[in-house]
PDB file of N, CA and C in Angstrom:
ATOM      1  N   UNK A   1     -10.529  27.017 -27.966  1.00  0.00           N
ATOM      2  CA  UNK A   1     -10.888  25.690 -28.388  1.00  0.00           C
ATOM      3  C   UNK A   1     -10.642  24.709 -27.253  1.00  0.00           C
ATOM      4  N   UNK A   2     -11.414  23.670 -27.211  1.00  0.00           N
ATOM      5  CA  UNK A   2     -11.286  22.678 -26.149  1.00  0.00           C
ATOM      6  C   UNK A   2     -10.061  21.804 -26.371  1.00  0.00           C
ATOM      7  N   UNK A   3      -9.484  21.369 -25.271  1.00  0.00           N
ATOM      8  CA  UNK A   3      -8.374  20.427 -25.336  1.00  0.00           C
ATOM      9  C   UNK A   3      -8.926  19.042 -25.659  1.00  0.00           C
ATOM     10  N   UNK A   4      -8.260  18.327 -26.519  1.00  0.00           N
ATOM     11  CA  UNK A   4      -8.661  16.974 -26.873  1.00  0.00           C
ATOM     12  C   UNK A   4      -7.964  15.994 -25.938  1.00  0.00           C
ATOM     13  N   UNK A   5      -8.727  15.052 -25.402  1.00  0.00           N
ATOM     14  CA  UNK A   5      -8.134  14.036 -24.545  1.00  0.00           C
ATOM     15  C   UNK A   5      -8.999  12.780 -24.589  1.00  0.00           C
ATOM     16  N   UNK A   6      -8.516  11.723 -23.964  1.00  0.00           N
ATOM     17  CA  UNK A   6      -9.288  10.485 -23.911  1.00  0.00           C
ATOM     18  C   UNK A   6     -10.389  10.555 -22.861  1.00  0.00           C
ATOM     19  N   UNK A   7     -10.423  11.633 -22.101  1.00  0.00           N
ATOM     20  CA  UNK A   7     -11.416  11.813 -21.042  1.00  0.00           C
ATOM     21  C   UNK A   7     -12.704  12.472 -21.525  1.00  0.00           C
ATOM     22  N   UNK A   8     -12.708  13.019 -22.742  1.00  0.00           N
ATOM     23  CA  UNK A   8     -13.859  13.785 -23.198  1.00  0.00           C
ATOM     24  C   UNK A   8     -13.965  13.737 -24.719  1.00  0.00           C
ATOM     25  N   UNK A   9     -15.198  13.914 -25.200  1.00  0.00           N
ATOM     26  CA  UNK A   9     -15.422  14.006 -26.636  1.00  0.00           C
ATOM     27  C   UNK A   9     -15.138  15.408 -27.157  1.00  0.00           C
ATOM     28  N   UNK A  10     -14.935  16.381 -26.243  1.00  0.00           N
ATOM     29  CA  UNK A  10     -14.663  17.753 -26.657  1.00  0.00           C
ATOM     30  C   UNK A  10     -13.457  17.791 -27.585  1.00  0.00           C
ATOM     31  N   UNK A  11     -13.605  18.478 -28.685  1.00  0.00           N
ATOM     32  CA  UNK A  11     -12.517  18.599 -29.640  1.00  0.00           C
ATOM     33  C   UNK A  11     -12.469  17.476 -30.660  1.00  0.00           C
ATOM     34  N   UNK A  12     -13.217  16.410 -30.437  1.00  0.00           N
ATOM     35  CA  UNK A  12     -13.210  15.278 -31.369  1.00  0.00           C
ATOM     36  C   UNK A  12     -14.406  15.295 -32.322  1.00  0.00           C
ATOM     37  N   UNK A  13     -15.536  15.782 -31.843  1.00  0.00           N
ATOM     38  CA  UNK A  13     -16.738  15.853 -32.671  1.00  0.00           C
ATOM     39  C   UNK A  13     -16.939  17.303 -33.088  1.00  0.00           C
ATOM     40  N   UNK A  14     -16.410  17.641 -34.242  1.00  0.00           N
ATOM     41  CA  UNK A  14     -16.485  19.027 -34.683  1.00  0.00           C
ATOM     42  C   UNK A  14     -17.306  19.146 -35.951  1.00  0.00           C
ATOM     43  N   UNK A  15     -17.863  20.313 -36.144  1.00  0.00           N
ATOM     44  CA  UNK A  15     -18.671  20.627 -37.302  1.00  0.00           C
ATOM     45  C   UNK A  15     -17.806  21.415 -38.275  1.00  0.00           C
ATOM     46  N   UNK A  16     -17.425  20.798 -39.396  1.00  0.00           N
ATOM     47  CA  UNK A  16     -16.574  21.460 -40.369  1.00  0.00           C
ATOM     48  C   UNK A  16     -17.400  22.168 -41.428  1.00  0.00           C
ATOM     49  N   UNK A  17     -16.959  23.355 -41.803  1.00  0.00           N
ATOM     50  CA  UNK A  17     -17.611  24.136 -42.838  1.00  0.00           C
ATOM     51  C   UNK A  17     -17.393  23.458 -44.180  1.00  0.00           C
ATOM     52  N   UNK A  18     -18.484  23.244 -44.911  1.00  0.00           N
ATOM     53  CA  UNK A  18     -18.429  22.602 -46.216  1.00  0.00           C
ATOM     54  C   UNK A  18     -19.026  23.545 -47.251  1.00  0.00           C
ATOM     55  N   UNK A  19     -18.734  23.291 -48.511  1.00  0.00           N
ATOM     56  CA  UNK A  19     -19.229  24.151 -49.587  1.00  0.00           C
ATOM     57  C   UNK A  19     -20.752  24.260 -49.555  1.00  0.00           C
ATOM     58  N   UNK A  20     -21.434  23.168 -49.247  1.00  0.00           N
ATOM     59  CA  UNK A  20     -22.900  23.189 -49.200  1.00  0.00           C
ATOM     60  C   UNK A  20     -23.453  24.016 -48.059  1.00  0.00           C
ATOM     61  N   UNK A  21     -22.628  24.321 -47.072  1.00  0.00           N
ATOM     62  CA  UNK A  21     -23.070  25.110 -45.925  1.00  0.00           C
ATOM     63  C   UNK A  21     -23.128  26.602 -46.237  1.00  0.00           C
ATOM     64  N   UNK A  22     -22.353  27.047 -47.212  1.00  0.00           N
ATOM     65  CA  UNK A  22     -22.303  28.471 -47.556  1.00  0.00           C
ATOM     66  C   UNK A  22     -23.426  28.760 -48.549  1.00  0.00           C
ATOM     67  N   UNK A  23     -24.477  29.399 -48.057  1.00  0.00           N
ATOM     68  CA  UNK A  23     -25.655  29.699 -48.885  1.00  0.00           C
ATOM     69  C   UNK A  23     -25.547  31.047 -49.578  1.00  0.00           C
ATOM     70  N   UNK A  24     -24.830  31.983 -48.969  1.00  0.00           N
ATOM     71  CA  UNK A  24     -24.709  33.337 -49.507  1.00  0.00           C
ATOM     72  C   UNK A  24     -23.271  33.805 -49.314  1.00  0.00           C
ATOM     73  N   UNK A  25     -22.604  34.101 -50.401  1.00  0.00           N
ATOM     74  CA  UNK A  25     -21.196  34.487 -50.341  1.00  0.00           C
ATOM     75  C   UNK A  25     -20.983  35.868 -49.727  1.00  0.00           C
ATOM     76  N   UNK A  26     -22.069  36.587 -49.433  1.00  0.00           N
ATOM     77  CA  UNK A  26     -21.965  37.914 -48.817  1.00  0.00           C
ATOM     78  C   UNK A  26     -22.110  37.859 -47.299  1.00  0.00           C
ATOM     79  N   UNK A  27     -22.371  36.676 -46.749  1.00  0.00           N
ATOM     80  CA  UNK A  27     -22.519  36.532 -45.302  1.00  0.00           C
ATOM     81  C   UNK A  27     -21.159  36.184 -44.703  1.00  0.00           C
ATOM     82  N   UNK A  28     -20.691  37.006 -43.751  1.00  0.00           N
ATOM     83  CA  UNK A  28     -19.370  36.745 -43.162  1.00  0.00           C
ATOM     84  C   UNK A  28     -19.408  35.697 -42.050  1.00  0.00           C
ATOM     85  N   UNK A  29     -18.296  35.022 -41.897  1.00  0.00           N
ATOM     86  CA  UNK A  29     -18.037  34.148 -40.761  1.00  0.00           C
ATOM     87  C   UNK A  29     -16.993  34.873 -39.920  1.00  0.00           C
ATOM     88  N   UNK A  30     -17.199  34.931 -38.618  1.00  0.00           N
ATOM     89  CA  UNK A  30     -16.263  35.609 -37.728  1.00  0.00           C
ATOM     90  C   UNK A  30     -15.281  34.570 -37.191  1.00  0.00           C
ATOM     91  N   UNK A  31     -13.999  34.848 -37.328  1.00  0.00           N
ATOM     92  CA  UNK A  31     -12.978  33.951 -36.788  1.00  0.00           C
ATOM     93  C   UNK A  31     -12.870  34.193 -35.286  1.00  0.00           C
ATOM     94  N   UNK A  32     -13.128  33.159 -34.497  1.00  0.00           N
ATOM     95  CA  UNK A  32     -13.065  33.274 -33.037  1.00  0.00           C
ATOM     96  C   UNK A  32     -11.910  32.475 -32.438  1.00  0.00           C
ATOM     97  N   UNK A  33     -11.171  31.768 -33.286  1.00  0.00           N
ATOM     98  CA  UNK A  33     -10.029  31.004 -32.792  1.00  0.00           C
ATOM     99  C   UNK A  33      -9.210  30.433 -33.931  1.00  0.00           C
ATOM    100  N   UNK A  34      -7.955  30.144 -33.648  1.00  0.00           N
ATOM    101  CA  UNK A  34      -7.044  29.566 -34.629  1.00  0.00           C
ATOM    102  C   UNK A  34      -6.282  28.433 -33.962  1.00  0.00           C
ATOM    103  N   UNK A  35      -6.158  27.340 -34.678  1.00  0.00           N
ATOM    104  CA  UNK A  35      -5.386  26.196 -34.200  1.00  0.00           C
ATOM    105  C   UNK A  35      -4.311  25.905 -35.246  1.00  0.00           C
ATOM    106  N   UNK A  36      -3.057  25.884 -34.821  1.00  0.00           N
ATOM    107  CA  UNK A  36      -1.944  25.643 -35.729  1.00  0.00           C
ATOM    108  C   UNK A  36      -1.083  24.533 -35.147  1.00  0.00           C
ATOM    109  N   UNK A  37      -0.753  23.545 -35.966  1.00  0.00           N
ATOM    110  CA  UNK A  37       0.221  22.530 -35.571  1.00  0.00           C
ATOM    111  C   UNK A  37       0.954  22.050 -36.814  1.00  0.00           C
ATOM    112  N   UNK A  38       2.269  21.989 -36.706  1.00  0.00           N
ATOM    113  CA  UNK A  38       3.148  21.662 -37.826  1.00  0.00           C
ATOM    114  C   UNK A  38       2.777  22.521 -39.025  1.00  0.00           C
ATOM    115  N   UNK A  39       2.260  21.935 -40.103  1.00  0.00           N
ATOM    116  CA  UNK A  39       1.916  22.704 -41.305  1.00  0.00           C
ATOM    117  C   UNK A  39       0.418  22.940 -41.445  1.00  0.00           C
ATOM    118  N   UNK A  40      -0.359  22.482 -40.486  1.00  0.00           N
ATOM    119  CA  UNK A  40      -1.814  22.592 -40.564  1.00  0.00           C
ATOM    120  C   UNK A  40      -2.313  23.843 -39.852  1.00  0.00           C
ATOM    121  N   UNK A  41      -3.388  24.408 -40.392  1.00  0.00           N
ATOM    122  CA  UNK A  41      -4.023  25.568 -39.764  1.00  0.00           C
ATOM    123  C   UNK A  41      -5.525  25.401 -39.891  1.00  0.00           C
ATOM    124  N   UNK A  42      -6.212  25.611 -38.773  1.00  0.00           N
ATOM    125  CA  UNK A  42      -7.663  25.451 -38.726  1.00  0.00           C
ATOM    126  C   UNK A  42      -8.266  26.686 -38.054  1.00  0.00           C
ATOM    127  N   UNK A  43      -9.313  27.208 -38.644  1.00  0.00           N
ATOM    128  CA  UNK A  43     -10.012  28.348 -38.081  1.00  0.00           C
ATOM    129  C   UNK A  43     -11.261  27.884 -37.358  1.00  0.00           C
ATOM    130  N   UNK A  44     -11.538  28.481 -36.202  1.00  0.00           N
ATOM    131  CA  UNK A  44     -12.813  28.280 -35.529  1.00  0.00           C
ATOM    132  C   UNK A  44     -13.663  29.489 -35.899  1.00  0.00           C
ATOM    133  N   UNK A  45     -14.813  29.225 -36.504  1.00  0.00           N
ATOM    134  CA  UNK A  45     -15.664  30.279 -37.035  1.00  0.00           C
ATOM    135  C   UNK A  45     -17.010  30.308 -36.348  1.00  0.00           C
ATOM    136  N   UNK A  46     -17.637  31.473 -36.356  1.00  0.00           N
ATOM    137  CA  UNK A  46     -18.985  31.621 -35.823  1.00  0.00           C
ATOM    138  C   UNK A  46     -19.798  32.406 -36.837  1.00  0.00           C
ATOM    139  N   UNK A  47     -21.007  31.901 -37.094  1.00  0.00           N
ATOM    140  CA  UNK A  47     -21.923  32.604 -37.983  1.00  0.00           C
ATOM    141  C   UNK A  47     -23.335  32.277 -37.528  1.00  0.00           C
ATOM    142  N   UNK A  48     -24.083  33.290 -37.188  1.00  0.00           N
ATOM    143  CA  UNK A  48     -25.463  33.085 -36.753  1.00  0.00           C
ATOM    144  C   UNK A  48     -25.598  32.253 -35.496  1.00  0.00           C
ATOM    145  N   UNK A  49     -24.645  32.368 -34.592  1.00  0.00           N
ATOM    146  CA  UNK A  49     -24.682  31.615 -33.345  1.00  0.00           C
ATOM    147  C   UNK A  49     -24.199  30.182 -33.463  1.00  0.00           C
ATOM    148  N   UNK A  50     -23.799  29.765 -34.646  1.00  0.00           N
ATOM    149  CA  UNK A  50     -23.331  28.396 -34.863  1.00  0.00           C
ATOM    150  C   UNK A  50     -21.821  28.393 -35.090  1.00  0.00           C
ATOM    151  N   UNK A  51     -21.125  27.496 -34.382  1.00  0.00           N
ATOM    152  CA  UNK A  51     -19.674  27.374 -34.528  1.00  0.00           C
ATOM    153  C   UNK A  51     -19.344  26.274 -35.531  1.00  0.00           C
ATOM    154  N   UNK A  52     -18.358  26.574 -36.373  1.00  0.00           N
ATOM    155  CA  UNK A  52     -17.841  25.592 -37.320  1.00  0.00           C
ATOM    156  C   UNK A  52     -16.328  25.734 -37.378  1.00  0.00           C
ATOM    157  N   UNK A  53     -15.692  24.766 -37.989  1.00  0.00           N
ATOM    158  CA  UNK A  53     -14.251  24.776 -38.166  1.00  0.00           C
ATOM    159  C   UNK A  53     -13.945  24.705 -39.649  1.00  0.00           C
ATOM    160  N   UNK A  54     -12.820  25.285 -40.039  1.00  0.00           N
ATOM    161  CA  UNK A  54     -12.419  25.297 -41.437  1.00  0.00           C
ATOM    162  C   UNK A  54     -10.919  25.064 -41.517  1.00  0.00           C
ATOM    163  N   UNK A  55     -10.525  23.954 -42.141  1.00  0.00           N
ATOM    164  CA  UNK A  55      -9.108  23.649 -42.343  1.00  0.00           C
ATOM    165  C   UNK A  55      -8.635  24.374 -43.598  1.00  0.00           C
ATOM    166  N   UNK A  56      -7.558  25.114 -43.468  1.00  0.00           N
ATOM    167  CA  UNK A  56      -7.060  25.899 -44.587  1.00  0.00           C
ATOM    168  C   UNK A  56      -6.085  25.095 -45.432  1.00  0.00           C
ATOM    169  N   UNK A  57      -6.295  25.162 -46.743  1.00  0.00           N
ATOM    170  CA  UNK A  57      -5.314  24.594 -47.661  1.00  0.00           C
ATOM    171  C   UNK A  57      -4.281  25.673 -47.972  1.00  0.00           C
ATOM    172  N   UNK A  58      -3.297  25.355 -48.790  1.00  0.00           N
ATOM    173  CA  UNK A  58      -2.231  26.305 -49.096  1.00  0.00           C
ATOM    174  C   UNK A  58      -2.795  27.561 -49.759  1.00  0.00           C
ATOM    175  N   UNK A  59      -3.739  27.405 -50.673  1.00  0.00           N
ATOM    176  CA  UNK A  59      -4.328  28.552 -51.374  1.00  0.00           C
ATOM    177  C   UNK A  59      -4.955  29.523 -50.392  1.00  0.00           C
ATOM    178  N   UNK A  60      -5.729  29.016 -49.433  1.00  0.00           N
ATOM    179  CA  UNK A  60      -6.386  29.889 -48.464  1.00  0.00           C
ATOM    180  C   UNK A  60      -5.387  30.510 -47.482  1.00  0.00           C
ATOM    181  N   UNK A  61      -4.345  29.766 -47.101  1.00  0.00           N
ATOM    182  CA  UNK A  61      -3.309  30.347 -46.239  1.00  0.00           C
ATOM    183  C   UNK A  61      -2.593  31.484 -46.953  1.00  0.00           C
ATOM    184  N   UNK A  62      -2.269  31.286 -48.225  1.00  0.00           N
ATOM    185  CA  UNK A  62      -1.605  32.341 -49.001  1.00  0.00           C
ATOM    186  C   UNK A  62      -2.506  33.561 -49.159  1.00  0.00           C
ATOM    187  N   UNK A  63      -3.806  33.342 -49.343  1.00  0.00           N
ATOM    188  CA  UNK A  63      -4.744  34.460 -49.454  1.00  0.00           C
ATOM    189  C   UNK A  63      -4.678  35.322 -48.197  1.00  0.00           C
ATOM    190  N   UNK A  64      -4.712  34.691 -47.041  1.00  0.00           N
ATOM    191  CA  UNK A  64      -4.644  35.451 -45.787  1.00  0.00           C
ATOM    192  C   UNK A  64      -3.337  36.232 -45.695  1.00  0.00           C
ATOM    193  N   UNK A  65      -2.233  35.567 -45.987  1.00  0.00           N
ATOM    194  CA  UNK A  65      -0.923  36.218 -45.898  1.00  0.00           C
ATOM    195  C   UNK A  65      -0.825  37.397 -46.864  1.00  0.00           C
ATOM    196  N   UNK A  66      -1.293  37.200 -48.093  1.00  0.00           N
ATOM    197  CA  UNK A  66      -1.209  38.242 -49.116  1.00  0.00           C
ATOM    198  C   UNK A  66      -2.201  39.382 -48.884  1.00  0.00           C
ATOM    199  N   UNK A  67      -3.135  39.195 -47.956  1.00  0.00           N
ATOM    200  CA  UNK A  67      -4.126  40.222 -47.664  1.00  0.00           C
ATOM    201  C   UNK A  67      -3.959  40.822 -46.277  1.00  0.00           C
ATOM    202  N   UNK A  68      -2.708  40.893 -45.837  1.00  0.00           N
ATOM    203  CA  UNK A  68      -2.386  41.647 -44.640  1.00  0.00           C
ATOM    204  C   UNK A  68      -2.386  40.904 -43.318  1.00  0.00           C
ATOM    205  N   UNK A  69      -2.609  39.596 -43.334  1.00  0.00           N
ATOM    206  CA  UNK A  69      -2.556  38.817 -42.092  1.00  0.00           C
ATOM    207  C   UNK A  69      -1.119  38.316 -41.948  1.00  0.00           C
ATOM    208  N   UNK A  70      -0.301  39.042 -41.183  1.00  0.00           N
ATOM    209  CA  UNK A  70       1.126  38.734 -41.094  1.00  0.00           C
ATOM    210  C   UNK A  70       1.451  37.571 -40.159  1.00  0.00           C
ATOM    211  N   UNK A  71       0.485  37.165 -39.323  1.00  0.00           N
ATOM    212  CA  UNK A  71       0.651  36.006 -38.436  1.00  0.00           C
ATOM    213  C   UNK A  71      -0.718  35.354 -38.253  1.00  0.00           C
ATOM    214  N   UNK A  72      -0.783  34.029 -38.130  1.00  0.00           N
ATOM    215  CA  UNK A  72      -2.073  33.349 -38.008  1.00  0.00           C
ATOM    216  C   UNK A  72      -2.990  33.915 -36.923  1.00  0.00           C
ATOM    217  N   UNK A  73      -2.439  34.321 -35.782  1.00  0.00           N
ATOM    218  CA  UNK A  73      -3.286  34.805 -34.691  1.00  0.00           C
ATOM    219  C   UNK A  73      -4.021  36.096 -35.049  1.00  0.00           C
ATOM    220  N   UNK A  74      -3.532  36.821 -36.045  1.00  0.00           N
ATOM    221  CA  UNK A  74      -4.140  38.095 -36.409  1.00  0.00           C
ATOM    222  C   UNK A  74      -5.443  37.954 -37.196  1.00  0.00           C
ATOM    223  N   UNK A  75      -5.800  36.736 -37.559  1.00  0.00           N
ATOM    224  CA  UNK A  75      -7.081  36.516 -38.246  1.00  0.00           C
ATOM    225  C   UNK A  75      -8.247  36.476 -37.237  1.00  0.00           C
ATOM    226  N   UNK A  76      -7.933  36.273 -35.956  1.00  0.00           N
ATOM    227  CA  UNK A  76      -8.970  36.236 -34.924  1.00  0.00           C
ATOM    228  C   UNK A  76      -9.674  37.589 -34.861  1.00  0.00           C
ATOM    229  N   UNK A  77     -10.995  37.533 -34.888  1.00  0.00           N
ATOM    230  CA  UNK A  77     -11.816  38.742 -34.859  1.00  0.00           C
ATOM    231  C   UNK A  77     -12.171  39.277 -36.233  1.00  0.00           C
ATOM    232  N   UNK A  78     -11.573  38.726 -37.274  1.00  0.00           N
ATOM    233  CA  UNK A  78     -11.838  39.188 -38.638  1.00  0.00           C
ATOM    234  C   UNK A  78     -13.091  38.525 -39.210  1.00  0.00           C
ATOM    235  N   UNK A  79     -13.735  39.245 -40.131  1.00  0.00           N
ATOM    236  CA  UNK A  79     -14.859  38.700 -40.892  1.00  0.00           C
ATOM    237  C   UNK A  79     -14.280  38.044 -42.146  1.00  0.00           C
ATOM    238  N   UNK A  80     -14.663  36.783 -42.361  1.00  0.00           N
ATOM    239  CA  UNK A  80     -14.148  36.020 -43.496  1.00  0.00           C
ATOM    240  C   UNK A  80     -15.319  35.651 -44.395  1.00  0.00           C
ATOM    241  N   UNK A  81     -15.141  35.905 -45.681  1.00  0.00           N
ATOM    242  CA  UNK A  81     -16.167  35.597 -46.677  1.00  0.00           C
ATOM    243  C   UNK A  81     -15.647  34.477 -47.566  1.00  0.00           C
ATOM    244  N   UNK A  82     -16.531  33.549 -47.916  1.00  0.00           N
ATOM    245  CA  UNK A  82     -16.149  32.394 -48.732  1.00  0.00           C
ATOM    246  C   UNK A  82     -16.908  32.389 -50.048  1.00  0.00           C
ATOM    247  N   UNK A  83     -16.274  31.827 -51.065  1.00  0.00           N
ATOM    248  CA  UNK A  83     -16.957  31.573 -52.329  1.00  0.00           C
ATOM    249  C   UNK A  83     -16.756  30.111 -52.692  1.00  0.00           C
ATOM    250  N   UNK A  84     -17.736  29.568 -53.388  1.00  0.00           N
ATOM    251  CA  UNK A  84     -17.659  28.172 -53.802  1.00  0.00           C
ATOM    252  C   UNK A  84     -16.852  28.065 -55.086  1.00  0.00           C
ATOM    253  N   UNK A  85     -16.024  27.044 -55.140  1.00  0.00           N
ATOM    254  CA  UNK A  85     -15.202  26.779 -56.325  1.00  0.00           C
ATOM    255  C   UNK A  85     -15.185  25.270 -56.583  1.00  0.00           C
ATOM    256  N   UNK A  86     -14.718  24.906 -57.747  1.00  0.00           N
ATOM    257  CA  UNK A  86     -14.467  23.500 -58.060  1.00  0.00           C
ATOM    258  C   UNK A  86     -12.977  23.248 -57.869  1.00  0.00           C
ATOM    259  N   UNK A  87     -12.658  22.136 -57.228  1.00  0.00           N
ATOM    260  CA  UNK A  87     -11.263  21.755 -57.010  1.00  0.00           C
ATOM    261  C   UNK A  87     -11.124  20.267 -57.273  1.00  0.00           C
ATOM    262  N   UNK A  88      -9.928  19.840 -57.611  1.00  0.00           N
ATOM    263  CA  UNK A  88      -9.685  18.422 -57.860  1.00  0.00           C
ATOM    264  C   UNK A  88      -9.287  17.737 -56.563  1.00  0.00           C
ATOM    265  N   UNK A  89     -10.031  16.682 -56.208  1.00  0.00           N
ATOM    266  CA  UNK A  89      -9.700  15.881 -55.042  1.00  0.00           C
ATOM    267  C   UNK A  89      -8.434  15.094 -55.375  1.00  0.00           C
ATOM    268  N   UNK A  90      -7.364  15.252 -54.579  1.00  0.00           N
ATOM    269  CA  UNK A  90      -6.102  14.573 -54.911  1.00  0.00           C
ATOM    270  C   UNK A  90      -6.184  13.048 -54.879  1.00  0.00           C
ATOM    271  N   UNK A  91      -7.085  12.504 -54.059  1.00  0.00           N
ATOM    272  CA  UNK A  91      -7.192  11.038 -53.991  1.00  0.00           C
ATOM    273  C   UNK A  91      -8.000  10.467 -55.158  1.00  0.00           C
ATOM    274  N   UNK A  92      -9.153  11.090 -55.461  1.00  0.00           N
ATOM    275  CA  UNK A  92     -10.036  10.538 -56.495  1.00  0.00           C
ATOM    276  C   UNK A  92      -9.786  11.131 -57.872  1.00  0.00           C
ATOM    277  N   UNK A  93      -9.071  12.260 -57.925  1.00  0.00           N
ATOM    278  CA  UNK A  93      -8.805  12.989 -59.175  1.00  0.00           C
ATOM    279  C   UNK A  93     -10.090  13.515 -59.813  1.00  0.00           C
ATOM    280  N   UNK A  94     -11.163  13.632 -59.030  1.00  0.00           N
ATOM    281  CA  UNK A  94     -12.430  14.154 -59.537  1.00  0.00           C
ATOM    282  C   UNK A  94     -12.648  15.560 -59.001  1.00  0.00           C
ATOM    283  N   UNK A  95     -13.406  16.351 -59.773  1.00  0.00           N
ATOM    284  CA  UNK A  95     -13.750  17.689 -59.319  1.00  0.00           C
ATOM    285  C   UNK A  95     -14.802  17.616 -58.225  1.00  0.00           C
ATOM    286  N   UNK A  96     -14.595  18.406 -57.179  1.00  0.00           N
ATOM    287  CA  UNK A  96     -15.532  18.465 -56.060  1.00  0.00           C
ATOM    288  C   UNK A  96     -15.765  19.933 -55.693  1.00  0.00           C
ATOM    289  N   UNK A  97     -16.870  20.197 -55.012  1.00  0.00           N
ATOM    290  CA  UNK A  97     -17.122  21.538 -54.513  1.00  0.00           C
ATOM    291  C   UNK A  97     -16.156  21.826 -53.373  1.00  0.00           C
ATOM    292  N   UNK A  98     -15.651  23.045 -53.346  1.00  0.00           N
ATOM    293  CA  UNK A  98     -14.711  23.446 -52.307  1.00  0.00           C
ATOM    294  C   UNK A  98     -14.978  24.900 -51.968  1.00  0.00           C
ATOM    295  N   UNK A  99     -14.273  25.417 -50.971  1.00  0.00           N
ATOM    296  CA  UNK A  99     -14.427  26.806 -50.550  1.00  0.00           C
ATOM    297  C   UNK A  99     -13.090  27.522 -50.637  1.00  0.00           C
ATOM    298  N   UNK A 100     -13.154  28.765 -51.093  1.00  0.00           N
ATOM    299  CA  UNK A 100     -12.005  29.659 -51.080  1.00  0.00           C
ATOM    300  C   UNK A 100     -12.394  30.903 -50.317  1.00  0.00           C
ATOM    301  N   UNK A 101     -11.456  31.450 -49.609  1.00  0.00           N
ATOM    302  CA  UNK A 101     -11.687  32.731 -48.961  1.00  0.00           C
ATOM    303  C   UNK A 101     -11.698  33.784 -50.055  1.00  0.00           C
ATOM    304  N   UNK A 102     -12.775  34.573 -50.106  1.00  0.00           N
ATOM    305  CA  UNK A 102     -12.876  35.591 -51.161  1.00  0.00           C
ATOM    306  C   UNK A 102     -12.497  36.979 -50.666  1.00  0.00           C
ATOM    307  N   UNK A 103     -12.734  37.253 -49.389  1.00  0.00           N
ATOM    308  CA  UNK A 103     -12.288  38.526 -48.810  1.00  0.00           C
ATOM    309  C   UNK A 103     -12.274  38.419 -47.290  1.00  0.00           C
ATOM    310  N   UNK A 104     -11.559  39.356 -46.709  1.00  0.00           N
ATOM    311  CA  UNK A 104     -11.426  39.393 -45.253  1.00  0.00           C
ATOM    312  C   UNK A 104     -11.511  40.851 -44.826  1.00  0.00           C
ATOM    313  N   UNK A 105     -12.258  41.102 -43.762  1.00  0.00           N
ATOM    314  CA  UNK A 105     -12.405  42.476 -43.241  1.00  0.00           C
ATOM    315  C   UNK A 105     -12.099  42.490 -41.766  1.00  0.00           C
TER     316      UNK A 105
END
């Protein structure tokens, strides 16, 4: 991943994976990088030549841990599959489309 600085837009303009982006739950995204700071974890993904980023919530982090990923760096190179779910937005208290990791290979 690119270093973020005041000298470049690299790392500041990123394409985040959204529920509407996942058209088929059987198509894998390949993890090509991991960014971890404090309690946050973000995956850099590639699918069909397009790079996207995905910020993991607690549910998705636990899924990885419970499915054999003993350290964040070990998800690199894995195929990740997503499914669409409804989740409550903590700020608005309304249901919104969200993504959950459904399997990892």
